[in-house]
Protein backbone atom coordinates (compact mmCIF):
# COMPACT_ATOMS: atom_id res chain seq x y z
CA MET A 1 -81.95 -117.75 75.12
CA SER A 2 -80.88 -114.15 74.51
CA ILE A 3 -80.70 -113.36 78.25
CA SER A 4 -78.56 -116.39 79.06
CA ALA A 5 -76.41 -115.71 76.00
CA ARG A 6 -75.86 -112.16 77.16
CA ASP A 7 -74.87 -113.37 80.62
CA ALA A 8 -72.47 -115.93 79.15
CA ALA A 9 -70.87 -113.37 76.87
CA ARG A 10 -70.45 -110.86 79.68
CA THR A 11 -68.96 -113.50 81.96
CA ARG A 12 -66.43 -114.39 79.27
CA VAL A 13 -65.50 -110.74 78.72
CA ASP A 14 -65.19 -110.06 82.45
CA SER A 15 -63.09 -113.17 83.06
CA GLY A 16 -60.63 -112.06 80.39
CA GLY A 17 -60.62 -108.43 81.49
CA ASP A 18 -57.08 -108.39 82.85
CA GLY A 19 -55.79 -109.82 79.58
CA LEU A 20 -57.67 -107.20 77.56
CA VAL A 21 -56.25 -104.38 79.64
CA ASP A 22 -52.76 -105.87 79.35
CA LEU A 23 -53.15 -106.06 75.57
CA SER A 24 -54.27 -102.43 75.41
CA HIS A 25 -51.36 -101.26 77.56
CA ARG A 26 -48.78 -103.26 75.58
CA ILE A 27 -49.94 -101.78 72.28
CA HIS A 28 -49.97 -98.32 73.85
CA ALA A 29 -46.41 -98.76 75.14
CA HIS A 30 -45.11 -99.84 71.72
CA PRO A 31 -46.77 -97.49 69.19
CA GLU A 32 -46.42 -98.38 65.52
CA ILE A 33 -47.51 -96.27 62.56
CA GLY A 34 -49.72 -97.49 59.73
CA PHE A 35 -48.67 -100.59 57.80
CA GLU A 36 -45.84 -101.10 60.31
CA GLU A 37 -47.92 -102.50 63.20
CA GLU A 38 -46.02 -105.78 63.32
CA ARG A 39 -45.99 -106.32 67.08
CA SER A 40 -49.47 -104.92 67.64
CA ALA A 41 -51.06 -107.11 64.97
CA ALA A 42 -49.19 -110.17 66.23
CA TRP A 43 -50.33 -109.58 69.81
CA VAL A 44 -53.97 -109.26 68.74
CA GLU A 45 -53.70 -112.36 66.57
CA GLU A 46 -52.13 -114.29 69.44
CA ALA A 47 -54.92 -113.30 71.84
CA LEU A 48 -57.56 -114.51 69.39
CA ALA A 49 -55.72 -117.73 68.56
CA ASP A 50 -55.44 -118.48 72.28
CA ALA A 51 -59.22 -118.04 72.49
CA GLY A 52 -59.77 -120.69 69.82
CA PHE A 53 -60.15 -118.49 66.74
CA THR A 54 -58.81 -119.58 63.37
CA VAL A 55 -56.38 -116.81 62.44
CA GLU A 56 -55.12 -115.87 58.98
CA ALA A 57 -52.28 -113.36 59.08
CA GLY A 58 -51.18 -111.08 56.27
CA ILE A 59 -54.45 -111.17 54.33
CA CYS A 60 -55.21 -108.92 51.35
CA ASP A 61 -51.48 -108.61 50.61
CA LEU A 62 -51.13 -106.46 53.73
CA PRO A 63 -48.61 -107.92 56.21
CA THR A 64 -50.29 -106.35 59.25
CA ALA A 65 -53.88 -107.20 58.29
CA PHE A 66 -55.54 -110.38 59.54
CA ARG A 67 -58.76 -112.34 59.75
CA ALA A 68 -59.77 -114.34 62.84
CA ARG A 69 -62.96 -116.39 62.80
CA THR A 70 -65.12 -118.63 64.95
CA GLY A 71 -68.71 -119.88 64.91
CA SER A 72 -70.75 -121.35 62.11
CA GLY A 73 -74.03 -119.43 62.29
CA PRO A 74 -75.75 -117.92 59.26
CA LEU A 75 -75.41 -114.32 60.53
CA ARG A 76 -71.88 -113.13 59.79
CA ILE A 77 -70.70 -110.22 61.91
CA ALA A 78 -67.30 -108.53 61.58
CA ILE A 79 -65.62 -106.60 64.37
CA CYS A 80 -62.89 -104.26 63.19
CA ALA A 81 -59.68 -103.90 65.16
CA GLU A 82 -57.37 -100.93 64.66
CA TYR A 83 -53.92 -100.67 66.19
CA ASP A 84 -51.90 -98.04 64.31
CA CYS A 85 -50.69 -94.90 66.06
CA LEU A 86 -50.13 -91.29 65.10
CA PRO A 87 -46.61 -90.19 64.14
CA GLY A 88 -44.88 -88.39 66.97
CA ILE A 89 -47.60 -88.63 69.62
CA GLY A 90 -48.33 -92.35 69.74
CA HIS A 91 -51.80 -93.65 70.61
CA ALA A 92 -53.44 -90.25 70.87
CA CYS A 93 -56.54 -91.66 69.18
CA GLY A 94 -56.86 -94.71 71.39
CA HIS A 95 -56.41 -97.46 68.83
CA ASN A 96 -54.83 -99.56 71.55
CA MET A 97 -58.27 -99.58 73.17
CA ILE A 98 -60.03 -100.33 69.88
CA ALA A 99 -57.93 -103.46 69.41
CA ALA A 100 -58.59 -104.66 72.97
CA MET A 101 -62.33 -103.99 72.71
CA ALA A 102 -62.50 -105.94 69.44
CA VAL A 103 -60.78 -108.92 71.04
CA GLY A 104 -63.03 -108.73 74.10
CA ALA A 105 -66.24 -108.54 72.08
CA ALA A 106 -65.18 -111.42 69.85
CA VAL A 107 -64.13 -113.65 72.75
CA GLY A 108 -67.41 -112.91 74.50
CA LEU A 109 -69.35 -113.83 71.38
CA ALA A 110 -67.29 -116.98 70.87
CA ALA A 111 -68.88 -118.40 74.03
CA VAL A 112 -72.36 -118.25 72.45
CA ALA A 113 -71.83 -117.90 68.69
CA ASP A 114 -73.21 -121.28 67.65
CA ASP A 115 -76.10 -121.03 70.13
CA VAL A 116 -77.33 -117.70 68.75
CA GLY A 117 -76.46 -118.39 65.11
CA ILE A 118 -73.51 -116.08 64.55
CA GLN A 119 -70.21 -116.41 62.76
CA VAL A 120 -67.78 -113.95 64.36
CA THR A 121 -64.94 -112.46 62.35
CA VAL A 122 -62.35 -110.06 63.70
CA LEU A 123 -60.67 -108.10 60.93
CA GLY A 124 -57.35 -106.53 61.81
CA THR A 125 -57.38 -103.31 59.78
CA PRO A 126 -54.04 -101.48 59.56
CA ALA A 127 -53.31 -97.85 58.76
CA GLU A 128 -56.54 -96.08 59.64
CA GLU A 129 -54.54 -92.95 60.40
CA GLY A 130 -54.01 -91.93 56.81
CA GLY A 131 -53.36 -95.18 54.98
CA GLY A 132 -56.84 -96.37 54.08
CA GLY A 133 -56.29 -99.95 55.19
CA LYS A 134 -60.00 -100.77 55.24
CA ILE A 135 -60.45 -99.42 51.72
CA LEU A 136 -57.75 -101.78 50.46
CA MET A 137 -59.32 -104.64 52.40
CA LEU A 138 -62.75 -103.85 50.95
CA GLU A 139 -61.37 -103.92 47.43
CA ARG A 140 -59.48 -107.15 48.09
CA GLY A 141 -62.43 -109.07 49.48
CA ALA A 142 -61.96 -109.04 53.26
CA PHE A 143 -65.55 -107.91 53.83
CA ASP A 144 -67.13 -110.20 51.25
CA GLY A 145 -70.04 -112.10 52.78
CA VAL A 146 -70.13 -109.96 55.94
CA HIS A 147 -73.67 -109.00 56.97
CA ALA A 148 -72.82 -106.36 59.59
CA ALA A 149 -69.68 -104.63 60.86
CA MET A 150 -68.91 -102.73 64.03
CA MET A 151 -66.22 -101.12 66.11
CA VAL A 152 -66.09 -98.70 69.06
CA HIS A 153 -63.78 -95.68 69.21
CA PRO A 154 -62.62 -93.84 72.36
CA THR A 155 -63.28 -90.10 72.64
CA PRO A 156 -63.88 -87.77 75.60
CA PHE A 157 -67.61 -88.70 75.65
CA ASP A 158 -70.05 -91.39 74.53
CA ALA A 159 -71.92 -90.86 71.25
CA VAL A 160 -73.96 -93.39 69.32
CA GLU A 161 -74.06 -91.88 65.82
CA PRO A 162 -71.27 -89.30 65.62
CA SER A 163 -70.95 -87.13 62.55
CA ILE A 164 -68.01 -88.57 60.61
CA ILE A 165 -67.14 -86.83 57.36
CA PRO A 166 -65.20 -87.74 54.20
CA ALA A 167 -61.56 -86.86 53.68
CA ALA A 168 -59.00 -86.88 50.88
CA GLN A 169 -55.26 -86.81 51.57
CA PHE A 170 -52.58 -85.78 49.12
CA ARG A 171 -48.96 -84.68 48.94
CA VAL A 172 -47.69 -81.73 46.94
CA ARG A 173 -44.12 -81.24 45.76
CA TYR A 174 -42.59 -78.11 44.29
CA THR A 175 -39.37 -78.20 42.32
CA GLY A 176 -37.44 -74.98 41.77
CA LYS A 177 -33.76 -74.17 41.33
CA GLU A 178 -31.01 -73.70 43.89
CA ALA A 179 -28.93 -70.54 44.03
CA HIS A 180 -26.92 -68.60 46.59
CA ALA A 181 -29.59 -66.80 48.60
CA SER A 182 -27.50 -63.64 49.04
CA ALA A 183 -25.03 -63.45 46.16
CA PHE A 184 -27.21 -64.70 43.26
CA PRO A 185 -30.87 -64.91 44.40
CA GLU A 186 -32.09 -63.87 40.95
CA LEU A 187 -30.76 -67.16 39.56
CA GLY A 188 -32.93 -69.27 41.84
CA ILE A 189 -36.54 -70.50 41.69
CA ASN A 190 -37.83 -70.54 45.25
CA ALA A 191 -39.93 -73.64 45.93
CA ALA A 192 -40.49 -72.49 49.53
CA ASP A 193 -42.09 -69.27 48.27
CA ALA A 194 -44.42 -71.40 46.17
CA LEU A 195 -45.69 -73.04 49.37
CA VAL A 196 -46.07 -69.64 51.06
CA VAL A 197 -48.22 -68.41 48.16
CA ALA A 198 -50.31 -71.59 48.26
CA GLN A 199 -50.87 -71.43 52.00
CA THR A 200 -51.83 -67.76 51.80
CA ALA A 201 -54.31 -68.54 49.04
CA ILE A 202 -55.79 -71.40 51.10
CA GLY A 203 -56.18 -69.06 54.06
CA LEU A 204 -58.16 -66.66 51.89
CA LEU A 205 -60.17 -69.50 50.35
CA ARG A 206 -61.49 -70.44 53.78
CA GLN A 207 -63.65 -67.31 53.68
CA GLN A 208 -65.62 -68.80 50.80
CA MET A 209 -65.71 -72.42 51.98
CA GLY A 210 -68.85 -74.07 53.32
CA SER A 211 -69.27 -74.26 57.08
CA HIS A 212 -68.71 -78.03 57.03
CA ASP A 213 -65.63 -77.92 54.76
CA ARG A 214 -62.15 -78.39 56.18
CA VAL A 215 -58.64 -78.00 54.76
CA HIS A 216 -55.47 -78.40 56.80
CA GLY A 217 -51.94 -79.62 56.32
CA ILE A 218 -48.28 -79.47 57.20
CA VAL A 219 -45.04 -78.62 55.41
CA THR A 220 -42.91 -81.75 55.45
CA ARG A 221 -39.92 -80.24 53.66
CA GLY A 222 -39.15 -76.54 53.54
CA GLY A 223 -35.55 -76.38 52.41
CA ASP A 224 -32.13 -77.50 53.52
CA ALA A 225 -30.08 -74.40 54.38
CA PRO A 226 -30.99 -70.73 54.92
CA ASN A 227 -28.37 -69.51 52.47
CA VAL A 228 -29.57 -71.76 49.63
CA ILE A 229 -32.70 -70.94 47.63
CA PRO A 230 -34.91 -74.02 48.29
CA ALA A 231 -35.36 -76.10 45.16
CA HIS A 232 -37.44 -78.87 46.74
CA THR A 233 -40.38 -78.44 49.13
CA GLU A 234 -43.22 -80.76 50.09
CA ALA A 235 -46.49 -80.59 52.01
CA HIS A 236 -49.12 -83.08 53.16
CA TYR A 237 -52.72 -81.84 53.12
CA ILE A 238 -56.20 -83.13 53.96
CA VAL A 239 -59.47 -81.84 52.52
CA ARG A 240 -62.80 -82.73 54.14
CA ALA A 241 -66.42 -82.12 53.17
CA LEU A 242 -69.82 -83.19 54.44
CA GLN A 243 -70.46 -85.76 51.68
CA LEU A 244 -68.11 -87.82 49.52
CA ALA A 245 -69.66 -86.34 46.38
CA GLU A 246 -68.71 -82.83 47.54
CA LEU A 247 -65.01 -83.60 47.97
CA PRO A 248 -63.85 -83.28 44.33
CA ARG A 249 -65.08 -79.69 43.96
CA LEU A 250 -63.44 -78.57 47.20
CA GLN A 251 -60.24 -80.43 46.41
CA GLU A 252 -60.12 -78.77 42.98
CA ARG A 253 -60.36 -75.33 44.60
CA VAL A 254 -57.57 -76.17 47.03
CA LEU A 255 -55.37 -77.53 44.26
CA ARG A 256 -55.77 -74.23 42.39
CA CYS A 257 -54.14 -72.57 45.38
CA PHE A 258 -51.13 -74.84 44.96
CA GLU A 259 -51.12 -74.14 41.22
CA ALA A 260 -51.03 -70.44 42.07
CA GLY A 261 -47.84 -71.02 44.03
CA ALA A 262 -46.24 -72.67 41.04
CA MET A 263 -47.42 -69.97 38.67
CA ALA A 264 -46.21 -67.13 40.89
CA THR A 265 -42.70 -68.52 41.41
CA GLY A 266 -42.01 -70.57 38.30
CA ALA A 267 -41.65 -73.78 40.30
CA THR A 268 -43.16 -76.99 38.96
CA LEU A 269 -45.88 -78.73 40.95
CA GLU A 270 -46.56 -82.45 41.48
CA VAL A 271 -49.63 -83.74 43.33
CA GLU A 272 -49.84 -87.31 44.66
CA GLU A 273 -53.04 -88.84 46.03
CA MET A 274 -52.12 -90.82 49.14
CA HIS A 275 -55.10 -93.19 49.07
CA LYS A 276 -58.68 -93.24 47.88
CA PRO A 277 -60.88 -90.80 49.81
CA TYR A 278 -62.46 -91.77 53.11
CA ALA A 279 -66.26 -91.71 52.94
CA GLU A 280 -68.77 -90.32 55.38
CA MET A 281 -70.04 -92.76 58.02
CA HIS A 282 -73.54 -94.14 57.50
CA HIS A 283 -74.55 -95.64 60.85
CA ASP A 284 -77.19 -98.35 60.62
CA ALA A 285 -79.91 -96.74 62.77
CA LYS A 286 -81.38 -99.98 64.12
CA MET A 287 -77.98 -101.43 65.04
CA ALA A 288 -76.97 -98.12 66.61
CA ALA A 289 -80.13 -98.04 68.73
CA ILE A 290 -79.39 -101.56 69.98
CA TYR A 291 -75.82 -100.58 70.88
CA LYS A 292 -77.06 -97.48 72.72
CA ARG A 293 -79.51 -99.52 74.79
CA ASN A 294 -76.83 -102.03 75.70
CA ALA A 295 -74.28 -99.35 76.58
CA GLU A 296 -76.86 -97.67 78.81
CA ASP A 297 -77.52 -101.01 80.50
CA LEU A 298 -73.83 -100.98 81.42
CA GLY A 299 -74.14 -97.52 82.96
CA ARG A 300 -72.92 -95.47 80.01
CA SER A 301 -74.74 -92.19 79.35
CA PHE A 302 -75.31 -90.33 76.09
CA VAL A 303 -75.68 -86.56 76.42
CA ASP A 304 -77.43 -84.63 73.67
CA PHE A 305 -75.11 -81.71 72.96
CA GLY A 306 -77.53 -80.29 70.38
CA ASP A 307 -76.07 -78.72 67.24
CA PRO A 308 -72.51 -78.53 68.67
CA GLY A 309 -72.65 -82.30 69.17
CA ARG A 310 -73.55 -82.75 65.51
CA ARG A 311 -70.71 -80.63 64.16
CA PRO A 312 -68.55 -82.37 61.56
CA SER A 313 -66.12 -84.66 63.30
CA ALA A 314 -63.14 -86.72 62.25
CA SER A 315 -62.86 -89.07 59.29
CA THR A 316 -62.27 -92.81 59.12
CA ASP A 317 -62.04 -95.54 56.50
CA MET A 318 -64.83 -97.26 58.46
CA GLY A 319 -67.02 -94.84 56.53
CA ASN A 320 -66.16 -96.69 53.32
CA VAL A 321 -67.12 -99.95 55.00
CA SER A 322 -70.46 -98.47 56.06
CA LEU A 323 -71.38 -97.71 52.45
CA VAL A 324 -71.02 -101.39 51.59
CA VAL A 325 -71.87 -103.25 54.83
CA PRO A 326 -74.41 -102.11 57.47
CA SER A 327 -72.16 -100.73 60.21
CA ILE A 328 -71.87 -98.80 63.44
CA HIS A 329 -68.99 -96.75 64.81
CA PRO A 330 -70.07 -95.36 68.21
CA PHE A 331 -67.79 -93.39 70.49
CA ILE A 332 -67.03 -94.50 74.03
CA GLY A 333 -66.07 -91.87 76.58
CA ILE A 334 -62.92 -92.00 78.68
CA ASP A 335 -63.54 -88.80 80.71
CA SER A 336 -60.49 -87.07 79.23
CA LEU A 337 -61.64 -83.46 78.90
CA PRO A 338 -60.12 -80.98 78.39
CA ALA A 339 -57.88 -83.40 76.49
CA VAL A 340 -59.29 -84.47 73.11
CA ASN A 341 -58.23 -86.89 70.41
CA HIS A 342 -54.88 -86.29 68.70
CA GLN A 343 -53.37 -84.57 71.73
CA PRO A 344 -50.55 -86.13 73.77
CA GLU A 345 -52.71 -85.66 76.86
CA PHE A 346 -55.40 -87.83 75.29
CA ALA A 347 -52.83 -90.56 74.66
CA ALA A 348 -52.07 -90.55 78.39
CA HIS A 349 -55.78 -90.95 79.17
CA CYS A 350 -55.98 -94.10 77.02
CA VAL A 351 -54.25 -96.18 79.72
CA THR A 352 -56.11 -94.89 82.78
CA GLU A 353 -58.55 -96.84 84.95
CA VAL A 354 -61.42 -95.06 83.21
CA ALA A 355 -60.09 -96.18 79.82
CA ASP A 356 -59.58 -99.73 81.09
CA LYS A 357 -63.21 -99.84 82.22
CA ALA A 358 -64.29 -98.48 78.85
CA ILE A 359 -62.55 -101.44 77.20
CA ILE A 360 -64.70 -103.88 79.16
CA ASP A 361 -67.86 -101.83 78.59
CA GLY A 362 -67.21 -101.44 74.86
CA ALA A 363 -66.45 -105.12 74.41
CA THR A 364 -69.55 -106.17 76.34
CA ALA A 365 -71.82 -103.68 74.55
CA MET A 366 -70.63 -104.91 71.14
CA ALA A 367 -71.09 -108.56 72.13
CA TRP A 368 -74.59 -107.87 73.43
CA THR A 369 -75.40 -105.89 70.29
CA ALA A 370 -74.43 -108.81 68.06
CA ILE A 371 -76.52 -111.19 70.20
CA ASP A 372 -79.53 -108.85 70.04
CA ILE A 373 -79.17 -108.45 66.28
CA ALA A 374 -79.30 -112.23 65.93
CA ALA A 375 -82.44 -112.35 68.09
CA ASP A 376 -84.21 -109.58 66.14
CA GLU A 377 -85.83 -111.53 63.31
CA PRO A 378 -86.69 -108.59 60.98
CA LEU A 379 -83.26 -107.02 61.43
CA ARG A 380 -81.43 -110.31 60.98
CA GLN A 381 -83.38 -111.05 57.82
CA ARG A 382 -82.66 -107.58 56.45
CA LEU A 383 -78.95 -107.97 57.05
CA VAL A 384 -78.64 -111.52 55.78
CA HIS A 385 -80.63 -110.88 52.63
CA ALA A 386 -79.24 -107.45 51.77
CA PRO A 387 -77.94 -107.30 48.18
CA ALA A 388 -74.19 -107.66 47.92
CA VAL A 389 -72.11 -104.76 46.63
CA ASP A 390 -69.31 -105.73 44.26
CA LEU A 391 -66.10 -103.76 44.68
CA GLY A 392 -63.64 -104.26 41.89
CA ALA A 393 -59.99 -103.37 42.21
CA ASP A 394 -60.48 -99.96 40.58
CA SER A 395 -63.93 -99.13 41.90
CA GLN A 396 -65.02 -96.68 44.58
CA PRO A 397 -67.68 -97.34 47.20
CA PRO A 398 -71.02 -95.85 46.17
CA ASN A 399 -71.76 -92.29 47.26
């Protein structure tokens, strides 16, 4: 049954290939930032509704989140769709492709779901790029009852278990006092200088940070006129570590740098957490091995880059999902080098013929992986009978 199911799923994906590519290109041409993905979410919902899925829009009190479901089998698999873009440079992380691959995989599985004993759920997850949409959806019950979750992310190369690390995002605001910058500078409190002190301290701190630690950010407000002492400045920073449990200590050290800026200038400091921290990704090894085999069957290749290939990578709220639900988050290559994620050149690569083929391959590999999970009795039993993790409104995923 598994061989014929795989053939049926692939046929369904291939037959809808033009529609998947069109969906990817439409989302790419109309980029929308997190929690504002109104057209993108609607287009993905429409594609799934047309394929016979029952679609619930605006779930979890998030207007651009949705749930689409088909099949009545005992094994419940969720495929996550992302569709938000990066400010300023659009789909430079390829979320247009992620959405199309999710639709393709789900439609392929819909052809065989009842035969192989699967219930397929597509979860539209907004605001991965800094909004923590999946964390909110976890807390609000979107993943309740799900036995396994998956998604595939475009990068320059294929990787089955990429190193994905935790991240915390926060805003800082300094408040000083305006004054004429030439005539009466002694009467001002320079909030811009506070940021300069903080950034200098962070630069020095990097000498004593661990090799896997990261801190980076931007100034989002630096003043309003060169002849006015800036009274209001703001910055947006991200801190990353190898494990979620290591984040608080690093974040505390970084925040001391911002406190130093306030102390040195007399400005007051406010710190605002933007969302709960993203967790590291825990790939389910058995599911990942199945995906790798299926991707290789489609002609994909996985190169072992050694230690450089295991260097800390990006962060995603799919990590939080993986601490609660067995999950995979493989990379699919689009042959973009030297362009890499979060560059405008990478955004251009996400609508090439190579990227379009990757959509079909990623969708097919995910569909086959779900079918093979259902056919693997020990794995299916482990997933179905895994103890549930309760996430209350104020709780954090385990670390």
